[in-house]
Amino acid sequence: MKATKWAKNLVTLARRVGISYSSLKYFRRFDWFPAPREDGVWNVEAVKRAIARHAQRLELKGAPLSPIEKSRLQVVCAKNELAEFRLARERGEYLSKEDVNRVIDTGDAKTRAEINRLFRFEIPASSQGQPVKQIEKFIGKRLAQVLKNLPQPIPATT
């Protein structure tokens, strides 16, 4: 079932945000609490974000929040952070795991193919009748070239 983005009254808003009606009434007294639209409908996501932003500093009537209220607010905070992360990832602020793994796998396959070709074909063909020191020098030089051609680091996003 898809969560509704709007609430027509405070009871519905409290239920959709995941806190009690009395806590919602308390939060409404602060200037940071979002106002409803002109038609009196509340934006559930805006209320969740506002409460999540300020919930760590709040007390109800001078007493700390109850364990149930704290856990509900922690859930709201976690859901809000997840939603903000997903939005940031869609904006391109973070690289997706699939993109990073694809770049790593491509670089890994290319490097593995280069090293296999080096040991299977180039070294045996060029080392016949050569002294050990010259073979070591050739292998070192070719490995340095292979490692130099490794994929460049994934560019950081701005």
Protein backbone atom coordinates (compact mmCIF):
# COMPACT_ATOMS: atom_id res chain seq x y z
CA MET A 1 0.00 0.00 0.00
CA LYS A 2 1.43 3.34 -1.02
CA ALA A 3 1.69 6.03 1.64
CA THR A 4 -0.37 9.13 0.98
CA LYS A 5 1.53 12.39 0.66
CA TRP A 6 -1.21 14.60 2.10
CA ALA A 7 -3.34 14.59 5.27
CA LYS A 8 -6.64 16.42 5.68
CA ASN A 9 -6.53 16.78 9.47
CA LEU A 10 -4.12 16.55 12.40
CA VAL A 11 -5.23 13.08 13.52
CA THR A 12 -4.51 11.65 10.07
CA LEU A 13 -1.26 13.61 9.90
CA ALA A 14 -0.10 12.23 13.25
CA ARG A 15 -0.94 8.68 12.16
CA ARG A 16 0.91 9.04 8.83
CA VAL A 17 3.95 10.66 10.46
CA GLY A 18 4.01 7.90 13.08
CA ILE A 19 3.70 9.95 16.27
CA SER A 20 0.91 10.62 18.76
CA TYR A 21 -1.62 13.38 18.31
CA SER A 22 -0.43 15.12 21.49
CA SER A 23 3.16 15.12 20.25
CA LEU A 24 2.03 16.59 16.95
CA LYS A 25 0.13 19.34 18.75
CA TYR A 26 3.28 20.08 20.76
CA PHE A 27 5.47 20.26 17.63
CA ARG A 28 3.01 22.64 15.93
CA ARG A 29 3.86 25.35 18.47
CA PHE A 30 7.35 25.78 17.04
CA ASP A 31 8.10 28.19 14.24
CA TRP A 32 9.98 25.52 12.26
CA PHE A 33 6.84 23.40 11.89
CA PRO A 34 5.53 23.57 8.29
CA ALA A 35 2.19 25.26 7.69
CA PRO A 36 -0.65 23.60 5.76
CA ARG A 37 -1.61 24.62 2.25
CA GLU A 38 -4.31 27.26 1.73
CA ASP A 39 -6.97 24.55 1.59
CA GLY A 40 -5.88 23.17 5.00
CA VAL A 41 -4.16 20.02 3.71
CA TRP A 42 -0.85 19.02 5.35
CA ASN A 43 2.22 17.77 3.49
CA VAL A 44 3.20 14.56 5.33
CA GLU A 45 6.79 14.44 4.01
CA ALA A 46 7.48 18.06 4.96
CA VAL A 47 6.23 17.41 8.49
CA LYS A 48 8.35 14.24 8.77
CA ARG A 49 11.46 16.12 7.64
CA ALA A 50 10.84 19.01 10.04
CA ILE A 51 10.27 16.72 13.02
CA ALA A 52 13.26 14.55 12.13
CA ARG A 53 15.47 17.64 11.92
CA HIS A 54 14.46 18.95 15.34
CA ALA A 55 13.42 15.81 17.24
CA GLN A 56 16.73 15.23 19.00
CA ARG A 57 16.44 18.53 20.90
CA LEU A 58 12.82 18.29 22.00
CA GLU A 59 11.14 17.54 25.29
CA LEU A 60 7.43 17.27 25.94
CA LYS A 61 6.25 19.58 28.75
CA GLY A 62 9.71 19.63 30.33
CA ALA A 63 10.03 15.84 30.46
CA PRO A 64 12.06 13.74 28.05
CA LEU A 65 10.23 11.87 25.32
CA SER A 66 8.90 8.43 26.25
CA PRO A 67 10.73 5.38 24.89
CA ILE A 68 7.89 4.78 22.43
CA GLU A 69 8.02 8.35 21.17
CA LYS A 70 11.84 8.17 20.92
CA SER A 71 11.67 4.97 18.90
CA ARG A 72 8.98 6.39 16.63
CA LEU A 73 11.03 9.51 16.06
CA GLN A 74 14.12 7.41 15.36
CA VAL A 75 12.17 5.51 12.72
CA VAL A 76 10.99 8.79 11.19
CA CYS A 77 14.59 10.11 11.23
CA ALA A 78 15.93 6.94 9.60
CA LYS A 79 13.27 6.96 6.89
CA ASN A 80 13.97 10.63 6.24
CA GLU A 81 17.72 10.05 5.92
CA LEU A 82 17.11 7.15 3.54
CA ALA A 83 14.80 9.28 1.39
CA GLU A 84 17.34 12.11 1.32
CA PHE A 85 20.11 9.67 0.35
CA ARG A 86 18.03 8.23 -2.49
CA LEU A 87 17.26 11.71 -3.74
CA ALA A 88 20.94 12.69 -3.58
CA ARG A 89 21.87 9.52 -5.48
CA GLU A 90 19.35 10.35 -8.20
CA ARG A 91 20.76 13.88 -8.43
CA GLY A 92 24.20 12.33 -9.04
CA GLU A 93 25.79 13.29 -5.73
CA TYR A 94 26.64 9.64 -5.07
CA LEU A 95 27.73 6.91 -7.43
CA SER A 96 25.59 3.80 -7.57
CA LYS A 97 27.07 0.55 -6.38
CA GLU A 98 26.41 -1.06 -9.77
CA ASP A 99 28.37 1.65 -11.63
CA VAL A 100 31.34 1.35 -9.29
CA ASN A 101 31.35 -2.46 -9.50
CA ARG A 102 31.15 -2.31 -13.30
CA VAL A 103 34.21 -0.02 -13.50
CA ILE A 104 36.15 -2.23 -11.06
CA ASP A 105 35.20 -5.44 -12.88
CA THR A 106 36.13 -3.98 -16.26
CA GLY A 107 39.51 -2.82 -14.98
CA ASP A 108 40.06 -6.14 -13.22
CA ALA A 109 39.29 -8.13 -16.38
CA LYS A 110 41.56 -5.96 -18.54
CA THR A 111 44.44 -6.20 -16.07
CA ARG A 112 44.00 -9.96 -15.67
CA ALA A 113 43.99 -10.40 -19.47
CA GLU A 114 47.17 -8.31 -19.81
CA ILE A 115 49.00 -10.30 -17.12
CA ASN A 116 47.85 -13.63 -18.59
CA ARG A 117 49.05 -12.58 -22.05
CA LEU A 118 52.36 -11.47 -20.54
CA PHE A 119 53.02 -14.78 -18.78
CA ARG A 120 51.64 -17.06 -21.49
CA PHE A 121 53.00 -15.50 -24.64
CA GLU A 122 55.43 -12.60 -24.21
CA ILE A 123 57.72 -13.95 -21.50
CA PRO A 124 58.24 -17.45 -22.99
CA ALA A 125 58.80 -16.02 -26.47
CA SER A 126 61.29 -13.35 -25.42
CA SER A 127 63.12 -15.22 -22.68
CA GLN A 128 64.47 -18.22 -24.61
CA GLY A 129 68.21 -18.31 -24.23
CA GLN A 130 68.30 -15.11 -22.12
CA PRO A 131 70.09 -14.84 -18.77
CA VAL A 132 67.94 -14.74 -15.62
CA LYS A 133 68.76 -11.09 -14.85
CA GLN A 134 67.61 -9.97 -18.28
CA ILE A 135 64.37 -11.97 -17.95
CA GLU A 136 63.74 -10.38 -14.52
CA LYS A 137 64.37 -6.93 -15.99
CA PHE A 138 61.98 -7.60 -18.90
CA ILE A 139 59.23 -8.94 -16.58
CA GLY A 140 59.63 -5.95 -14.23
CA LYS A 141 59.41 -3.47 -17.11
CA ARG A 142 56.32 -5.16 -18.65
CA LEU A 143 54.55 -5.48 -15.28
CA ALA A 144 55.20 -1.79 -14.65
CA GLN A 145 53.58 -1.00 -18.02
CA VAL A 146 50.58 -3.22 -17.24
CA LEU A 147 50.10 -1.65 -13.81
CA LYS A 148 50.53 1.83 -15.28
CA ASN A 149 47.60 1.14 -17.61
CA LEU A 150 45.23 0.24 -14.79
CA PRO A 151 41.94 2.15 -14.90
CA GLN A 152 42.05 5.60 -13.41
CA PRO A 153 40.21 6.28 -10.15
CA ILE A 154 36.48 6.84 -10.41
CA PRO A 155 35.96 10.59 -10.64
CA ALA A 156 34.53 12.14 -7.48
CA THR A 157 31.20 13.85 -7.83
CA THR A 158 30.79 17.47 -6.88
